[in-house]
Amino acid sequence: QVQLVESGGGLVQPGGSLRLSCAASGSITAIYVMGWYRQAPGKQRELVATITNGGSTNYADSVKGRFTITGDNAKNTVYLQMNSLKPEDTAVYSCNAIVQTFRGVRSAYWGQGTQVTVSS
């Protein structure tokens, strides 16, 4: 009953910017943390950035200073502003959320992912 929907991916040249969005919906009573992960073909999935409902953020070293994660608690939405994009950033970006449902169950959920391609 909980759904995460990502948007904002696409093709961008090196040095360009993209803004990803992830909206959570369903029987949610609380969201404790939301974040972004990415996986490139042939590589392991890696954490990109996370944010708690209190505003605490965490970033992978590879994106610090270039990416910014923000959240809108009222909209159950998290954003990832990606600047100075590099070809190595090319991957499927997936949204993750740890939520509490109406019946008190706390679980992690995943979106379907959105493709980000950085190429000239």
N, C-alpha and C. Protein backbone atom coordinates (compact mmCIF):
# COMPACT_ATOMS: atom_id res chain seq x y z
N GLN A 1 0.81 -1.21 0.00
CA GLN A 1 0.00 0.00 0.00
C GLN A 1 0.85 1.27 0.00
N VAL A 2 2.15 1.12 0.22
CA VAL A 2 3.08 2.24 0.16
C VAL A 2 3.76 2.23 -1.19
N GLN A 3 3.78 3.37 -1.83
CA GLN A 3 4.38 3.50 -3.14
C GLN A 3 5.36 4.67 -3.16
N LEU A 4 6.46 4.48 -3.86
CA LEU A 4 7.44 5.53 -4.10
C LEU A 4 7.56 5.72 -5.60
N VAL A 5 7.45 6.94 -6.05
CA VAL A 5 7.51 7.24 -7.47
C VAL A 5 8.60 8.27 -7.71
N GLU A 6 9.59 7.90 -8.52
CA GLU A 6 10.69 8.79 -8.86
C GLU A 6 10.44 9.47 -10.19
N SER A 7 11.03 10.64 -10.33
CA SER A 7 10.97 11.37 -11.59
C SER A 7 12.18 12.29 -11.69
N GLY A 8 12.44 12.77 -12.90
CA GLY A 8 13.49 13.75 -13.10
C GLY A 8 14.73 13.25 -13.79
N GLY A 9 14.82 11.96 -14.04
CA GLY A 9 15.98 11.43 -14.72
C GLY A 9 16.00 11.81 -16.18
N GLY A 10 17.14 11.58 -16.81
CA GLY A 10 17.27 11.90 -18.21
C GLY A 10 18.71 11.91 -18.66
N LEU A 11 18.93 12.47 -19.84
CA LEU A 11 20.25 12.57 -20.44
C LEU A 11 20.77 13.99 -20.26
N VAL A 12 21.99 14.10 -19.78
CA VAL A 12 22.59 15.40 -19.54
C VAL A 12 24.07 15.34 -19.88
N GLN A 13 24.63 16.45 -20.31
CA GLN A 13 26.05 16.51 -20.64
C GLN A 13 26.89 16.63 -19.37
N PRO A 14 28.13 16.20 -19.43
CA PRO A 14 29.01 16.39 -18.28
C PRO A 14 29.05 17.85 -17.85
N GLY A 15 28.99 18.06 -16.54
CA GLY A 15 28.94 19.40 -16.00
C GLY A 15 27.54 19.95 -15.83
N GLY A 16 26.55 19.25 -16.36
CA GLY A 16 25.18 19.69 -16.26
C GLY A 16 24.54 19.31 -14.94
N SER A 17 23.24 19.59 -14.86
CA SER A 17 22.50 19.37 -13.62
C SER A 17 21.18 18.67 -13.89
N LEU A 18 20.73 17.93 -12.91
CA LEU A 18 19.41 17.31 -12.91
C LEU A 18 18.87 17.37 -11.49
N ARG A 19 17.55 17.35 -11.40
CA ARG A 19 16.90 17.31 -10.10
C ARG A 19 15.93 16.14 -10.08
N LEU A 20 16.17 15.20 -9.19
CA LEU A 20 15.31 14.04 -9.03
C LEU A 20 14.31 14.27 -7.91
N SER A 21 13.13 13.70 -8.08
CA SER A 21 12.10 13.78 -7.06
C SER A 21 11.61 12.38 -6.73
N CYS A 22 11.22 12.19 -5.49
CA CYS A 22 10.64 10.93 -5.05
C CYS A 22 9.48 11.25 -4.12
N ALA A 23 8.30 10.83 -4.51
CA ALA A 23 7.10 11.07 -3.73
C ALA A 23 6.59 9.77 -3.14
N ALA A 24 6.36 9.77 -1.85
CA ALA A 24 5.83 8.60 -1.16
C ALA A 24 4.34 8.79 -0.92
N SER A 25 3.59 7.72 -1.10
CA SER A 25 2.15 7.77 -0.88
C SER A 25 1.67 6.44 -0.33
N GLY A 26 0.47 6.46 0.23
CA GLY A 26 -0.11 5.26 0.79
C GLY A 26 -0.44 5.44 2.26
N SER A 27 -0.56 4.33 2.95
CA SER A 27 -0.94 4.35 4.36
C SER A 27 0.28 4.63 5.23
N ILE A 28 0.75 5.84 5.16
CA ILE A 28 1.96 6.26 5.87
C ILE A 28 1.59 7.17 7.02
N THR A 29 2.06 6.82 8.20
CA THR A 29 1.87 7.68 9.36
C THR A 29 3.13 8.44 9.73
N ALA A 30 4.29 7.94 9.29
CA ALA A 30 5.55 8.61 9.57
C ALA A 30 6.60 8.12 8.60
N ILE A 31 7.48 9.01 8.20
CA ILE A 31 8.65 8.67 7.41
C ILE A 31 9.88 9.02 8.23
N TYR A 32 10.72 8.04 8.46
CA TYR A 32 11.89 8.25 9.30
C TYR A 32 13.11 8.66 8.50
N VAL A 33 13.27 8.07 7.34
CA VAL A 33 14.40 8.41 6.50
C VAL A 33 14.04 8.12 5.05
N MET A 34 14.50 8.98 4.17
CA MET A 34 14.39 8.75 2.73
C MET A 34 15.76 8.98 2.12
N GLY A 35 16.00 8.28 1.03
CA GLY A 35 17.30 8.44 0.41
C GLY A 35 17.33 7.95 -1.01
N TRP A 36 18.49 8.14 -1.61
CA TRP A 36 18.73 7.73 -2.98
C TRP A 36 19.89 6.76 -3.05
N TYR A 37 19.71 5.72 -3.84
CA TYR A 37 20.74 4.77 -4.16
C TYR A 37 20.89 4.74 -5.68
N ARG A 38 22.01 4.24 -6.14
CA ARG A 38 22.20 4.13 -7.57
C ARG A 38 22.95 2.85 -7.91
N GLN A 39 22.70 2.37 -9.11
CA GLN A 39 23.37 1.17 -9.58
C GLN A 39 23.64 1.29 -11.07
N ALA A 40 24.90 1.18 -11.43
CA ALA A 40 25.32 1.18 -12.81
C ALA A 40 25.44 -0.26 -13.30
N PRO A 41 25.31 -0.49 -14.60
CA PRO A 41 25.45 -1.85 -15.14
C PRO A 41 26.77 -2.48 -14.74
N GLY A 42 26.69 -3.70 -14.22
CA GLY A 42 27.88 -4.41 -13.82
C GLY A 42 28.49 -3.98 -12.51
N LYS A 43 27.85 -3.07 -11.81
CA LYS A 43 28.38 -2.58 -10.55
C LYS A 43 27.37 -2.80 -9.43
N GLN A 44 27.87 -2.75 -8.21
CA GLN A 44 27.02 -2.91 -7.05
C GLN A 44 26.22 -1.64 -6.78
N ARG A 45 25.06 -1.82 -6.16
CA ARG A 45 24.27 -0.68 -5.75
C ARG A 45 24.98 0.06 -4.62
N GLU A 46 24.95 1.37 -4.67
CA GLU A 46 25.61 2.17 -3.66
C GLU A 46 24.70 3.28 -3.17
N LEU A 47 24.92 3.65 -1.93
CA LEU A 47 24.18 4.76 -1.34
C LEU A 47 24.69 6.07 -1.92
N VAL A 48 23.76 6.96 -2.23
CA VAL A 48 24.10 8.28 -2.73
C VAL A 48 23.92 9.32 -1.63
N ALA A 49 22.72 9.38 -1.07
CA ALA A 49 22.42 10.36 -0.03
C ALA A 49 21.16 9.95 0.71
N THR A 50 21.08 10.33 1.98
CA THR A 50 19.89 10.08 2.78
C THR A 50 19.56 11.32 3.60
N ILE A 51 18.31 11.40 4.02
CA ILE A 51 17.88 12.49 4.88
C ILE A 51 16.82 11.95 5.83
N THR A 52 16.91 12.32 7.10
CA THR A 52 15.92 11.92 8.09
C THR A 52 14.83 12.97 8.17
N ASN A 53 13.74 12.61 8.86
CA ASN A 53 12.67 13.59 9.00
C ASN A 53 13.08 14.76 9.89
N GLY A 54 14.18 14.62 10.60
CA GLY A 54 14.71 15.72 11.37
C GLY A 54 15.70 16.58 10.62
N GLY A 55 16.00 16.20 9.38
CA GLY A 55 16.87 17.01 8.54
C GLY A 55 18.33 16.59 8.51
N SER A 56 18.68 15.51 9.18
CA SER A 56 20.05 15.03 9.16
C SER A 56 20.35 14.37 7.82
N THR A 57 21.46 14.74 7.21
CA THR A 57 21.80 14.22 5.89
C THR A 57 23.08 13.41 5.92
N ASN A 58 23.21 12.54 4.93
CA ASN A 58 24.38 11.70 4.77
C ASN A 58 24.65 11.56 3.28
N TYR A 59 25.91 11.71 2.87
CA TYR A 59 26.28 11.65 1.47
C TYR A 59 27.44 10.70 1.26
N ALA A 60 27.42 10.07 0.11
CA ALA A 60 28.59 9.33 -0.33
C ALA A 60 29.72 10.32 -0.62
N ASP A 61 30.94 9.91 -0.35
CA ASP A 61 32.08 10.80 -0.59
C ASP A 61 32.16 11.25 -2.04
N SER A 62 31.74 10.40 -2.95
CA SER A 62 31.86 10.71 -4.37
C SER A 62 30.93 11.82 -4.84
N VAL A 63 29.92 12.16 -4.04
CA VAL A 63 28.97 13.19 -4.47
C VAL A 63 28.96 14.40 -3.56
N LYS A 64 29.73 14.38 -2.49
CA LYS A 64 29.77 15.52 -1.58
C LYS A 64 30.22 16.77 -2.31
N GLY A 65 29.51 17.86 -2.06
CA GLY A 65 29.81 19.11 -2.72
C GLY A 65 29.16 19.28 -4.06
N ARG A 66 28.61 18.21 -4.63
CA ARG A 66 27.95 18.28 -5.93
C ARG A 66 26.45 18.00 -5.84
N PHE A 67 26.06 17.09 -4.96
CA PHE A 67 24.66 16.71 -4.81
C PHE A 67 24.12 17.26 -3.50
N THR A 68 22.84 17.59 -3.50
CA THR A 68 22.16 18.05 -2.30
C THR A 68 20.82 17.35 -2.18
N ILE A 69 20.58 16.74 -1.02
CA ILE A 69 19.30 16.09 -0.77
C ILE A 69 18.47 16.98 0.15
N THR A 70 17.22 17.15 -0.19
CA THR A 70 16.29 17.93 0.61
C THR A 70 14.97 17.19 0.71
N GLY A 71 14.17 17.56 1.68
CA GLY A 71 12.89 16.91 1.86
C GLY A 71 11.79 17.90 2.14
N ASP A 72 10.58 17.50 1.80
CA ASP A 72 9.38 18.26 2.09
C ASP A 72 8.46 17.32 2.85
N ASN A 73 8.44 17.46 4.17
CA ASN A 73 7.66 16.55 5.00
C ASN A 73 6.16 16.62 4.69
N ALA A 74 5.68 17.80 4.39
CA ALA A 74 4.26 17.97 4.12
C ALA A 74 3.83 17.21 2.87
N LYS A 75 4.74 17.05 1.92
CA LYS A 75 4.43 16.37 0.67
C LYS A 75 4.97 14.95 0.62
N ASN A 76 5.62 14.50 1.69
CA ASN A 76 6.25 13.18 1.70
C ASN A 76 7.14 12.99 0.48
N THR A 77 7.93 14.00 0.21
CA THR A 77 8.74 14.02 -1.00
C THR A 77 10.18 14.37 -0.66
N VAL A 78 11.09 13.72 -1.34
CA VAL A 78 12.51 14.02 -1.21
C VAL A 78 13.06 14.36 -2.59
N TYR A 79 14.04 15.25 -2.61
CA TYR A 79 14.64 15.71 -3.86
C TYR A 79 16.14 15.47 -3.82
N LEU A 80 16.71 15.29 -4.98
CA LEU A 80 18.15 15.19 -5.11
C LEU A 80 18.58 16.13 -6.22
N GLN A 81 19.20 17.23 -5.83
CA GLN A 81 19.75 18.17 -6.78
C GLN A 81 21.16 17.73 -7.13
N MET A 82 21.39 17.44 -8.39
CA MET A 82 22.67 16.93 -8.85
C MET A 82 23.31 17.96 -9.76
N ASN A 83 24.44 18.49 -9.34
CA ASN A 83 25.19 19.47 -10.10
C ASN A 83 26.55 18.90 -10.49
N SER A 84 27.18 19.55 -11.45
CA SER A 84 28.51 19.14 -11.91
C SER A 84 28.56 17.65 -12.20
N LEU A 85 27.59 17.18 -12.94
CA LEU A 85 27.48 15.75 -13.20
C LEU A 85 28.64 15.23 -14.03
N LYS A 86 29.04 14.01 -13.71
CA LYS A 86 30.13 13.35 -14.38
C LYS A 86 29.63 12.07 -15.03
N PRO A 87 30.33 11.57 -16.04
CA PRO A 87 29.93 10.29 -16.64
C PRO A 87 29.82 9.16 -15.63
N GLU A 88 30.65 9.18 -14.60
CA GLU A 88 30.60 8.14 -13.58
C GLU A 88 29.33 8.18 -12.76
N ASP A 89 28.55 9.25 -12.88
CA ASP A 89 27.27 9.34 -12.19
C ASP A 89 26.16 8.59 -12.92
N THR A 90 26.44 8.13 -14.12
CA THR A 90 25.45 7.40 -14.90
C THR A 90 25.02 6.14 -14.17
N ALA A 91 23.71 6.00 -13.95
CA ALA A 91 23.18 4.86 -13.21
C ALA A 91 21.67 4.97 -13.15
N VAL A 92 21.05 3.91 -12.68
CA VAL A 92 19.65 3.95 -12.31
C VAL A 92 19.58 4.40 -10.86
N TYR A 93 18.88 5.48 -10.62
CA TYR A 93 18.75 6.03 -9.28
C TYR A 93 17.41 5.60 -8.70
N SER A 94 17.45 5.00 -7.52
CA SER A 94 16.25 4.49 -6.87
C SER A 94 16.05 5.16 -5.53
N CYS A 95 14.80 5.43 -5.24
CA CYS A 95 14.43 6.05 -3.99
C CYS A 95 14.10 4.99 -2.95
N ASN A 96 14.53 5.22 -1.74
CA ASN A 96 14.27 4.31 -0.62
C ASN A 96 13.68 5.11 0.53
N ALA A 97 12.74 4.50 1.24
CA ALA A 97 12.15 5.15 2.39
C ALA A 97 11.86 4.14 3.48
N ILE A 98 12.17 4.52 4.70
CA ILE A 98 11.77 3.74 5.87
C ILE A 98 10.57 4.45 6.47
N VAL A 99 9.43 3.77 6.46
CA VAL A 99 8.17 4.41 6.84
C VAL A 99 7.45 3.58 7.89
N GLN A 100 6.55 4.23 8.60
CA GLN A 100 5.63 3.56 9.48
C GLN A 100 4.25 3.66 8.88
N THR A 101 3.56 2.54 8.79
CA THR A 101 2.24 2.51 8.20
C THR A 101 1.17 2.74 9.25
N PHE A 102 -0.06 2.77 8.79
CA PHE A 102 -1.21 3.03 9.65
C PHE A 102 -1.28 2.05 10.82
N ARG A 103 -0.88 0.80 10.59
CA ARG A 103 -0.98 -0.22 11.63
C ARG A 103 0.31 -0.38 12.44
N GLY A 104 1.20 0.56 12.31
CA GLY A 104 2.39 0.57 13.14
C GLY A 104 3.56 -0.23 12.61
N VAL A 105 3.46 -0.73 11.41
CA VAL A 105 4.55 -1.51 10.82
C VAL A 105 5.59 -0.57 10.22
N ARG A 106 6.84 -0.78 10.58
CA ARG A 106 7.93 0.01 10.04
C ARG A 106 8.72 -0.83 9.05
N SER A 107 8.76 -0.37 7.82
CA SER A 107 9.40 -1.14 6.77
C SER A 107 10.08 -0.22 5.77
N ALA A 108 10.99 -0.80 5.01
CA ALA A 108 11.67 -0.09 3.94
C ALA A 108 10.99 -0.37 2.61
N TYR A 109 10.85 0.65 1.80
CA TYR A 109 10.22 0.53 0.49
C TYR A 109 11.12 1.14 -0.57
N TRP A 110 10.96 0.66 -1.78
CA TRP A 110 11.76 1.10 -2.92
C TRP A 110 10.89 1.55 -4.07
N GLY A 111 11.36 2.56 -4.77
CA GLY A 111 10.74 2.95 -6.02
C GLY A 111 11.28 2.13 -7.18
N GLN A 112 10.74 2.36 -8.36
CA GLN A 112 11.13 1.60 -9.54
C GLN A 112 12.45 2.07 -10.14
N GLY A 113 12.85 3.28 -9.85
CA GLY A 113 14.10 3.80 -10.35
C GLY A 113 13.92 4.71 -11.55
N THR A 114 14.86 5.62 -11.71
CA THR A 114 14.87 6.52 -12.86
C THR A 114 16.29 6.59 -13.41
N GLN A 115 16.40 6.54 -14.72
CA GLN A 115 17.71 6.49 -15.37
C GLN A 115 18.32 7.87 -15.48
N VAL A 116 19.57 7.96 -15.07
CA VAL A 116 20.37 9.18 -15.25
C VAL A 116 21.56 8.82 -16.13
N THR A 117 21.69 9.49 -17.24
CA THR A 117 22.79 9.25 -18.16
C THR A 117 23.55 10.55 -18.38
N VAL A 118 24.84 10.52 -18.10
CA VAL A 118 25.70 11.69 -18.27
C VAL A 118 26.67 11.37 -19.40
N SER A 119 26.49 12.04 -20.51
CA SER A 119 27.29 11.76 -21.69
C SER A 119 27.33 12.97 -22.60
N SER A 120 28.45 13.14 -23.28
CA SER A 120 28.57 14.21 -24.26
C SER A 120 28.17 13.76 -25.65
